Amino acid sequence: MELDGSQHLNSVEYDGRRTAFLAGLGWQVLRFWNSDVRSHADGVAERIVSAVSLRLGRTHPCPLPFREGN
């Protein structure tokens, strides 16, 4: 995941090359604007979970709560 600020407005070509390089290594790049992370954190998290589930398969439909039983 990459958080992009306004400095990335002029780096589309560079970002594309970097994304292609990372994809060649088996990585997937998800880019989010800084403001989206601040204002829409739930939506960003859902997008990340969705991307992971597409690559690895669905997560358990009823995951255990964090540190249950501790």
Protein backbone atom coordinates (compact mmCIF):
# COMPACT_ATOMS: atom_id res chain seq x y z
CA MET A 1 0.00 0.00 0.00
CA GLU A 2 1.20 3.46 -0.76
CA LEU A 3 -0.12 6.71 0.62
CA ASP A 4 0.11 9.48 -1.96
CA GLY A 5 0.16 13.16 -1.32
CA SER A 6 -0.02 15.98 -3.82
CA GLN A 7 3.64 15.40 -4.76
CA HIS A 8 2.45 12.37 -6.76
CA LEU A 9 0.33 14.45 -9.14
CA ASN A 10 3.36 14.90 -11.39
CA SER A 11 4.84 11.42 -10.98
CA VAL A 12 2.33 9.28 -12.88
CA GLU A 13 4.98 7.96 -15.28
CA TYR A 14 7.44 7.11 -12.48
CA ASP A 15 4.71 5.51 -10.37
CA GLY A 16 3.66 3.40 -13.36
CA ARG A 17 7.19 2.11 -13.89
CA ARG A 18 7.58 1.38 -10.19
CA THR A 19 4.24 -0.42 -10.07
CA ALA A 20 5.22 -2.56 -13.07
CA PHE A 21 8.55 -3.42 -11.44
CA LEU A 22 6.89 -4.43 -8.17
CA ALA A 23 4.22 -6.43 -10.03
CA GLY A 24 7.04 -8.32 -11.73
CA LEU A 25 8.21 -9.34 -8.25
CA GLY A 26 4.73 -10.54 -7.32
CA TRP A 27 3.66 -7.46 -5.36
CA GLN A 28 0.43 -5.55 -5.81
CA VAL A 29 0.43 -1.81 -5.23
CA LEU A 30 -2.62 -0.11 -3.80
CA ARG A 31 -2.43 3.67 -3.77
CA PHE A 32 -4.53 5.90 -1.58
CA TRP A 33 -4.48 9.64 -1.24
CA ASN A 34 -3.45 10.85 2.21
CA SER A 35 -6.76 12.66 2.53
CA ASP A 36 -8.72 9.44 1.81
CA VAL A 37 -6.90 7.64 4.60
CA ARG A 38 -7.70 10.47 7.01
CA SER A 39 -11.30 10.98 5.90
CA HIS A 40 -12.36 7.50 4.77
CA ALA A 41 -10.22 5.07 6.76
CA ASP A 42 -12.96 2.42 6.84
CA GLY A 43 -13.30 2.50 3.06
CA VAL A 44 -9.53 2.24 2.62
CA ALA A 45 -9.41 -0.72 5.02
CA GLU A 46 -12.25 -2.42 3.12
CA ARG A 47 -10.37 -1.95 -0.16
CA ILE A 48 -7.24 -3.51 1.35
CA VAL A 49 -9.19 -6.49 2.74
CA SER A 50 -10.89 -6.92 -0.63
CA ALA A 51 -7.56 -6.93 -2.49
CA VAL A 52 -6.09 -9.45 -0.04
CA SER A 53 -9.10 -11.74 -0.32
CA LEU A 54 -8.90 -11.66 -4.12
CA ARG A 55 -5.26 -12.76 -3.96
CA LEU A 56 -5.44 -15.24 -1.09
CA GLY A 57 -9.07 -16.30 -0.98
CA ARG A 58 -11.76 -15.16 1.38
CA THR A 59 -10.99 -14.69 5.01
CA HIS A 60 -12.93 -16.67 7.60
CA PRO A 61 -16.57 -15.46 7.67
CA CYS A 62 -16.54 -15.22 11.50
CA PRO A 63 -13.01 -14.27 12.56
CA LEU A 64 -12.17 -14.50 16.23
CA PRO A 65 -11.93 -11.22 18.13
CA PHE A 66 -8.41 -9.95 18.67
CA ARG A 67 -6.66 -11.78 21.55
CA GLU A 68 -9.74 -13.73 22.53
CA GLY A 69 -9.08 -15.89 25.57
CA ASN A 70 -6.04 -13.94 26.78
